[in-house]
Amino acid sequence: MTNMEQILEPKVQVIVGLGAATAAKCQKCFVKLRSMAEQLDVTDAEMRAAVEIGVRVSGKSQEYMSAFIEEETEGAVRARSADSGCGCN
């Protein structure tokens, strides 16, 4: 048994995992963890909270990376887009 398993209950482990899968943008992980969440009676509200945290972490990390790229390239490479979205619409 790992330290994590000794400290966190299975339900909490899955909720944390859902947030991490969201931040990592790992669909396969999210699907697996969602299945586990259903078995552990994780509520929709708990899943929404985990996903919201993952989205915030992911968004902030992109902001920081974009700023780093622009600083590292002395502005030669613009990493932040004025447009929102990916442009696939």
C-alpha atoms as a PDB file:
ATOM      1  CA  MET A   1       0.000   0.000   0.000  1.00  0.00           C
ATOM      2  CA  THR A   2       1.366   3.428  -0.931  1.00  0.00           C
ATOM      3  CA  ASN A   3       1.381   6.451   1.333  1.00  0.00           C
ATOM      4  CA  MET A   4      -1.423   7.979  -0.776  1.00  0.00           C
ATOM      5  CA  GLU A   5      -3.607   4.938  -0.203  1.00  0.00           C
ATOM      6  CA  GLN A   6      -2.983   5.126   3.541  1.00  0.00           C
ATOM      7  CA  ILE A   7      -3.916   8.799   3.734  1.00  0.00           C
ATOM      8  CA  LEU A   8      -6.694   9.300   1.175  1.00  0.00           C
ATOM      9  CA  GLU A   9      -9.896   7.315   0.960  1.00  0.00           C
ATOM     10  CA  PRO A  10     -10.608   5.761  -2.481  1.00  0.00           C
ATOM     11  CA  LYS A  11     -13.377   8.282  -3.198  1.00  0.00           C
ATOM     12  CA  VAL A  12     -11.026  11.202  -2.542  1.00  0.00           C
ATOM     13  CA  GLN A  13      -8.317   9.592  -4.684  1.00  0.00           C
ATOM     14  CA  VAL A  14     -10.750   9.386  -7.606  1.00  0.00           C
ATOM     15  CA  ILE A  15     -11.940  12.982  -7.161  1.00  0.00           C
ATOM     16  CA  VAL A  16      -8.326  14.206  -7.156  1.00  0.00           C
ATOM     17  CA  GLY A  17      -7.652  12.028 -10.202  1.00  0.00           C
ATOM     18  CA  LEU A  18     -10.556  13.574 -12.103  1.00  0.00           C
ATOM     19  CA  GLY A  19      -9.090  17.023 -11.538  1.00  0.00           C
ATOM     20  CA  ALA A  20      -5.642  15.836 -12.563  1.00  0.00           C
ATOM     21  CA  ALA A  21      -6.986  14.119 -15.696  1.00  0.00           C
ATOM     22  CA  THR A  22      -8.767  17.337 -16.613  1.00  0.00           C
ATOM     23  CA  ALA A  23      -5.611  19.420 -16.145  1.00  0.00           C
ATOM     24  CA  ALA A  24      -3.590  16.877 -18.137  1.00  0.00           C
ATOM     25  CA  LYS A  25      -6.283  16.758 -20.838  1.00  0.00           C
ATOM     26  CA  CYS A  26      -6.244  12.954 -20.667  1.00  0.00           C
ATOM     27  CA  GLN A  27      -9.571  11.699 -21.980  1.00  0.00           C
ATOM     28  CA  LYS A  28      -8.739   8.039 -21.399  1.00  0.00           C
ATOM     29  CA  CYS A  29      -7.882   8.728 -17.745  1.00  0.00           C
ATOM     30  CA  PHE A  30     -11.031  10.781 -17.269  1.00  0.00           C
ATOM     31  CA  VAL A  31     -13.258   8.045 -18.685  1.00  0.00           C
ATOM     32  CA  LYS A  32     -11.664   5.400 -16.450  1.00  0.00           C
ATOM     33  CA  LEU A  33     -11.856   7.615 -13.361  1.00  0.00           C
ATOM     34  CA  ARG A  34     -15.445   8.601 -14.097  1.00  0.00           C
ATOM     35  CA  SER A  35     -16.396   4.943 -14.150  1.00  0.00           C
ATOM     36  CA  MET A  36     -14.662   4.463 -10.818  1.00  0.00           C
ATOM     37  CA  ALA A  37     -16.377   7.603  -9.489  1.00  0.00           C
ATOM     38  CA  GLU A  38     -19.797   6.174 -10.293  1.00  0.00           C
ATOM     39  CA  GLN A  39     -18.944   3.013  -8.365  1.00  0.00           C
ATOM     40  CA  LEU A  40     -17.787   5.086  -5.370  1.00  0.00           C
ATOM     41  CA  ASP A  41     -20.888   7.328  -5.381  1.00  0.00           C
ATOM     42  CA  VAL A  42     -18.998  10.491  -6.257  1.00  0.00           C
ATOM     43  CA  THR A  43     -21.648  13.163  -6.726  1.00  0.00           C
ATOM     44  CA  ASP A  44     -22.012  15.349  -9.799  1.00  0.00           C
ATOM     45  CA  ALA A  45     -21.155  18.342  -7.600  1.00  0.00           C
ATOM     46  CA  GLU A  46     -17.904  16.681  -6.483  1.00  0.00           C
ATOM     47  CA  MET A  47     -17.018  15.876 -10.097  1.00  0.00           C
ATOM     48  CA  ARG A  48     -17.807  19.450 -11.175  1.00  0.00           C
ATOM     49  CA  ALA A  49     -15.545  20.816  -8.429  1.00  0.00           C
ATOM     50  CA  ALA A  50     -12.682  18.524  -9.458  1.00  0.00           C
ATOM     51  CA  VAL A  51     -13.072  19.446 -13.120  1.00  0.00           C
ATOM     52  CA  GLU A  52     -13.205  23.161 -12.285  1.00  0.00           C
ATOM     53  CA  ILE A  53      -9.955  22.898 -10.360  1.00  0.00           C
ATOM     54  CA  GLY A  54      -8.354  20.998 -13.254  1.00  0.00           C
ATOM     55  CA  VAL A  55      -9.507  23.616 -15.753  1.00  0.00           C
ATOM     56  CA  ARG A  56      -8.114  26.423 -13.607  1.00  0.00           C
ATOM     57  CA  VAL A  57      -4.763  24.679 -13.173  1.00  0.00           C
ATOM     58  CA  SER A  58      -4.545  23.930 -16.875  1.00  0.00           C
ATOM     59  CA  GLY A  59      -5.466  27.458 -17.883  1.00  0.00           C
ATOM     60  CA  LYS A  60      -2.968  29.050 -15.517  1.00  0.00           C
ATOM     61  CA  SER A  61      -0.163  26.745 -16.614  1.00  0.00           C
ATOM     62  CA  GLN A  62      -0.769  27.758 -20.240  1.00  0.00           C
ATOM     63  CA  GLU A  63      -0.695  31.436 -19.285  1.00  0.00           C
ATOM     64  CA  TYR A  64       2.618  30.948 -17.459  1.00  0.00           C
ATOM     65  CA  MET A  65       4.130  28.957 -20.337  1.00  0.00           C
ATOM     66  CA  SER A  66       3.038  31.563 -22.876  1.00  0.00           C
ATOM     67  CA  ALA A  67       4.621  34.329 -20.793  1.00  0.00           C
ATOM     68  CA  PHE A  68       7.808  32.262 -20.437  1.00  0.00           C
ATOM     69  CA  ILE A  69       8.041  31.672 -24.213  1.00  0.00           C
ATOM     70  CA  GLU A  70       7.576  35.356 -24.962  1.00  0.00           C
ATOM     71  CA  GLU A  71      10.189  36.334 -22.378  1.00  0.00           C
ATOM     72  CA  GLU A  72      12.646  33.621 -23.457  1.00  0.00           C
ATOM     73  CA  THR A  73      12.395  34.669 -27.117  1.00  0.00           C
ATOM     74  CA  GLU A  74      12.490  38.374 -26.197  1.00  0.00           C
ATOM     75  CA  GLY A  75       9.104  38.837 -27.827  1.00  0.00           C
ATOM     76  CA  ALA A  76      10.083  37.226 -31.152  1.00  0.00           C
ATOM     77  CA  VAL A  77       7.519  34.478 -30.610  1.00  0.00           C
ATOM     78  CA  ARG A  78       4.050  35.541 -29.507  1.00  0.00           C
ATOM     79  CA  ALA A  79       2.538  32.631 -27.582  1.00  0.00           C
ATOM     80  CA  ARG A  80      -0.731  34.268 -26.534  1.00  0.00           C
ATOM     81  CA  SER A  81      -3.512  34.602 -29.030  1.00  0.00           C
ATOM     82  CA  ALA A  82      -5.894  37.527 -29.112  1.00  0.00           C
ATOM     83  CA  ASP A  83      -8.520  35.125 -30.434  1.00  0.00           C
ATOM     84  CA  SER A  84     -10.361  32.753 -28.162  1.00  0.00           C
ATOM     85  CA  GLY A  85     -10.791  29.120 -29.043  1.00  0.00           C
ATOM     86  CA  CYS A  86      -8.918  26.910 -31.429  1.00  0.00           C
ATOM     87  CA  GLY A  87     -10.475  28.222 -34.638  1.00  0.00           C
ATOM     88  CA  CYS A  88     -12.083  24.947 -35.648  1.00  0.00           C
ATOM     89  CA  ASN A  89     -15.625  26.403 -35.857  1.00  0.00           C
END
